[in-house]
């Protein structure tokens, strides 16, 4: 059985679940995407800082500090369909690879 993580604690990309948990726990921001209630159901996204990510062996729980005054939050209160997108590129672990390169992990939940 191959190890789940390398010596630095970074999960191996071939273990998608572990790598996704690692990525969320290491990230400090991402884009929260909702359905706009003001623009007739158009997609709407804004970047947010992750306050923290509580990580267990099996799950990661991202926490945000939000206000209902933010359009993303008011959209989510009206239509709960949403996603949070983060990229490995922001961590600096991709070297000089183009952030649009498929090798650079992007995670959408």
C-alpha atoms as a PDB file:
ATOM      1  CA  UNK A   1       0.000   0.000   0.000  1.00  0.00           C
ATOM      2  CA  UNK A   2       1.394   3.391  -1.047  1.00  0.00           C
ATOM      3  CA  UNK A   3       1.649   6.107   1.601  1.00  0.00           C
ATOM      4  CA  UNK A   4      -1.149   8.681   1.602  1.00  0.00           C
ATOM      5  CA  UNK A   5       1.187  11.647   2.178  1.00  0.00           C
ATOM      6  CA  UNK A   6       4.824  12.537   1.560  1.00  0.00           C
ATOM      7  CA  UNK A   7       7.301  13.483   4.287  1.00  0.00           C
ATOM      8  CA  UNK A   8       6.079  17.110   4.345  1.00  0.00           C
ATOM      9  CA  UNK A   9       2.496  16.035   5.066  1.00  0.00           C
ATOM     10  CA  UNK A  10       1.264  16.895   1.558  1.00  0.00           C
ATOM     11  CA  UNK A  11      -1.132  14.210   0.378  1.00  0.00           C
ATOM     12  CA  UNK A  12      -0.350  12.378  -2.839  1.00  0.00           C
ATOM     13  CA  UNK A  13      -2.352  13.574  -5.885  1.00  0.00           C
ATOM     14  CA  UNK A  14      -3.250   9.995  -6.821  1.00  0.00           C
ATOM     15  CA  UNK A  15      -5.314   9.763  -3.610  1.00  0.00           C
ATOM     16  CA  UNK A  16      -8.032  12.249  -4.557  1.00  0.00           C
ATOM     17  CA  UNK A  17      -9.908  12.281  -1.238  1.00  0.00           C
ATOM     18  CA  UNK A  18      -6.807  12.747   0.931  1.00  0.00           C
ATOM     19  CA  UNK A  19      -5.356  15.316  -1.475  1.00  0.00           C
ATOM     20  CA  UNK A  20      -8.633  17.302  -1.442  1.00  0.00           C
ATOM     21  CA  UNK A  21      -8.707  17.310   2.376  1.00  0.00           C
ATOM     22  CA  UNK A  22      -5.069  18.451   2.444  1.00  0.00           C
ATOM     23  CA  UNK A  23      -5.753  21.214  -0.096  1.00  0.00           C
ATOM     24  CA  UNK A  24      -8.707  22.622   1.851  1.00  0.00           C
ATOM     25  CA  UNK A  25      -6.803  22.477   5.144  1.00  0.00           C
ATOM     26  CA  UNK A  26      -3.837  24.376   3.644  1.00  0.00           C
ATOM     27  CA  UNK A  27      -5.756  27.019   1.697  1.00  0.00           C
ATOM     28  CA  UNK A  28      -6.530  30.462   3.037  1.00  0.00           C
ATOM     29  CA  UNK A  29      -9.029  31.616   0.409  1.00  0.00           C
ATOM     30  CA  UNK A  30     -11.220  30.570  -2.489  1.00  0.00           C
ATOM     31  CA  UNK A  31     -14.249  31.616  -4.497  1.00  0.00           C
ATOM     32  CA  UNK A  32     -17.739  31.067  -3.110  1.00  0.00           C
ATOM     33  CA  UNK A  33     -20.164  30.659  -6.009  1.00  0.00           C
ATOM     34  CA  UNK A  34     -23.935  31.128  -5.777  1.00  0.00           C
ATOM     35  CA  UNK A  35     -26.958  31.723  -7.991  1.00  0.00           C
ATOM     36  CA  UNK A  36     -27.664  35.464  -8.166  1.00  0.00           C
ATOM     37  CA  UNK A  37     -31.098  36.486  -7.011  1.00  0.00           C
ATOM     38  CA  UNK A  38     -30.534  40.034  -8.347  1.00  0.00           C
ATOM     39  CA  UNK A  39     -29.393  39.022 -11.850  1.00  0.00           C
ATOM     40  CA  UNK A  40     -32.108  36.562 -12.789  1.00  0.00           C
ATOM     41  CA  UNK A  41     -30.362  33.364 -11.713  1.00  0.00           C
ATOM     42  CA  UNK A  42     -26.951  34.102 -13.266  1.00  0.00           C
ATOM     43  CA  UNK A  43     -23.866  32.529 -11.633  1.00  0.00           C
ATOM     44  CA  UNK A  44     -22.211  34.804  -9.091  1.00  0.00           C
ATOM     45  CA  UNK A  45     -18.896  34.330  -7.277  1.00  0.00           C
ATOM     46  CA  UNK A  46     -16.732  36.277  -4.860  1.00  0.00           C
ATOM     47  CA  UNK A  47     -13.492  35.372  -3.132  1.00  0.00           C
ATOM     48  CA  UNK A  48     -13.530  34.731   0.598  1.00  0.00           C
ATOM     49  CA  UNK A  49     -10.886  34.057   3.196  1.00  0.00           C
ATOM     50  CA  UNK A  50     -11.182  30.742   4.982  1.00  0.00           C
ATOM     51  CA  UNK A  51     -11.240  31.524   8.691  1.00  0.00           C
ATOM     52  CA  UNK A  52     -10.046  27.981   9.363  1.00  0.00           C
ATOM     53  CA  UNK A  53     -10.501  24.434   8.170  1.00  0.00           C
ATOM     54  CA  UNK A  54     -11.149  21.824  10.826  1.00  0.00           C
ATOM     55  CA  UNK A  55      -9.676  18.563   9.547  1.00  0.00           C
ATOM     56  CA  UNK A  56     -10.283  14.984  10.629  1.00  0.00           C
ATOM     57  CA  UNK A  57      -8.952  11.870   8.942  1.00  0.00           C
ATOM     58  CA  UNK A  58     -12.094  11.543   6.844  1.00  0.00           C
ATOM     59  CA  UNK A  59     -13.488  15.078   6.476  1.00  0.00           C
ATOM     60  CA  UNK A  60     -12.618  18.770   6.298  1.00  0.00           C
ATOM     61  CA  UNK A  61     -15.002  21.456   7.512  1.00  0.00           C
ATOM     62  CA  UNK A  62     -14.182  24.935   6.130  1.00  0.00           C
ATOM     63  CA  UNK A  63     -15.303  27.883   8.268  1.00  0.00           C
ATOM     64  CA  UNK A  64     -15.984  31.403   7.006  1.00  0.00           C
ATOM     65  CA  UNK A  65     -16.793  34.686   8.695  1.00  0.00           C
ATOM     66  CA  UNK A  66     -19.672  36.074   6.639  1.00  0.00           C
ATOM     67  CA  UNK A  67     -22.248  38.821   6.823  1.00  0.00           C
ATOM     68  CA  UNK A  68     -25.760  38.842   5.391  1.00  0.00           C
ATOM     69  CA  UNK A  69     -24.887  42.243   3.883  1.00  0.00           C
ATOM     70  CA  UNK A  70     -22.667  40.448   1.340  1.00  0.00           C
ATOM     71  CA  UNK A  71     -24.445  39.637  -1.946  1.00  0.00           C
ATOM     72  CA  UNK A  72     -23.059  36.085  -1.977  1.00  0.00           C
ATOM     73  CA  UNK A  73     -24.558  35.376   1.430  1.00  0.00           C
ATOM     74  CA  UNK A  74     -27.914  36.935   0.561  1.00  0.00           C
ATOM     75  CA  UNK A  75     -27.954  34.817  -2.627  1.00  0.00           C
ATOM     76  CA  UNK A  76     -27.221  31.651  -0.639  1.00  0.00           C
ATOM     77  CA  UNK A  77     -29.984  32.450   1.829  1.00  0.00           C
ATOM     78  CA  UNK A  78     -32.465  32.607  -1.073  1.00  0.00           C
ATOM     79  CA  UNK A  79     -31.081  29.622  -3.050  1.00  0.00           C
ATOM     80  CA  UNK A  80     -28.827  27.170  -1.222  1.00  0.00           C
ATOM     81  CA  UNK A  81     -27.142  25.855  -4.374  1.00  0.00           C
ATOM     82  CA  UNK A  82     -23.536  26.957  -4.037  1.00  0.00           C
ATOM     83  CA  UNK A  83     -19.972  25.794  -4.488  1.00  0.00           C
ATOM     84  CA  UNK A  84     -16.551  26.747  -3.157  1.00  0.00           C
ATOM     85  CA  UNK A  85     -13.592  26.671  -5.540  1.00  0.00           C
ATOM     86  CA  UNK A  86      -9.936  26.630  -4.465  1.00  0.00           C
ATOM     87  CA  UNK A  87      -6.688  26.077  -6.342  1.00  0.00           C
ATOM     88  CA  UNK A  88      -3.432  24.433  -5.363  1.00  0.00           C
ATOM     89  CA  UNK A  89      -1.570  27.140  -7.280  1.00  0.00           C
ATOM     90  CA  UNK A  90      -2.088  29.638  -4.448  1.00  0.00           C
ATOM     91  CA  UNK A  91      -0.040  27.440  -2.103  1.00  0.00           C
ATOM     92  CA  UNK A  92       3.091  27.676  -4.254  1.00  0.00           C
ATOM     93  CA  UNK A  93       3.384  23.886  -4.551  1.00  0.00           C
ATOM     94  CA  UNK A  94       3.015  23.847  -8.353  1.00  0.00           C
ATOM     95  CA  UNK A  95       6.394  25.328  -9.220  1.00  0.00           C
ATOM     96  CA  UNK A  96       6.311  27.334 -12.439  1.00  0.00           C
ATOM     97  CA  UNK A  97       3.327  25.499 -13.914  1.00  0.00           C
ATOM     98  CA  UNK A  98       0.540  27.520 -15.496  1.00  0.00           C
ATOM     99  CA  UNK A  99      -2.402  27.715 -13.036  1.00  0.00           C
ATOM    100  CA  UNK A 100      -4.720  26.652 -15.894  1.00  0.00           C
ATOM    101  CA  UNK A 101      -2.676  23.471 -16.427  1.00  0.00           C
ATOM    102  CA  UNK A 102      -4.781  20.390 -15.565  1.00  0.00           C
ATOM    103  CA  UNK A 103      -1.890  19.116 -13.394  1.00  0.00           C
ATOM    104  CA  UNK A 104      -2.546  21.990 -10.969  1.00  0.00           C
ATOM    105  CA  UNK A 105      -5.407  20.824  -8.790  1.00  0.00           C
ATOM    106  CA  UNK A 106      -8.559  22.873  -8.612  1.00  0.00           C
ATOM    107  CA  UNK A 107     -11.183  21.689  -6.212  1.00  0.00           C
ATOM    108  CA  UNK A 108     -14.855  22.479  -6.453  1.00  0.00           C
ATOM    109  CA  UNK A 109     -17.297  21.303  -3.854  1.00  0.00           C
END
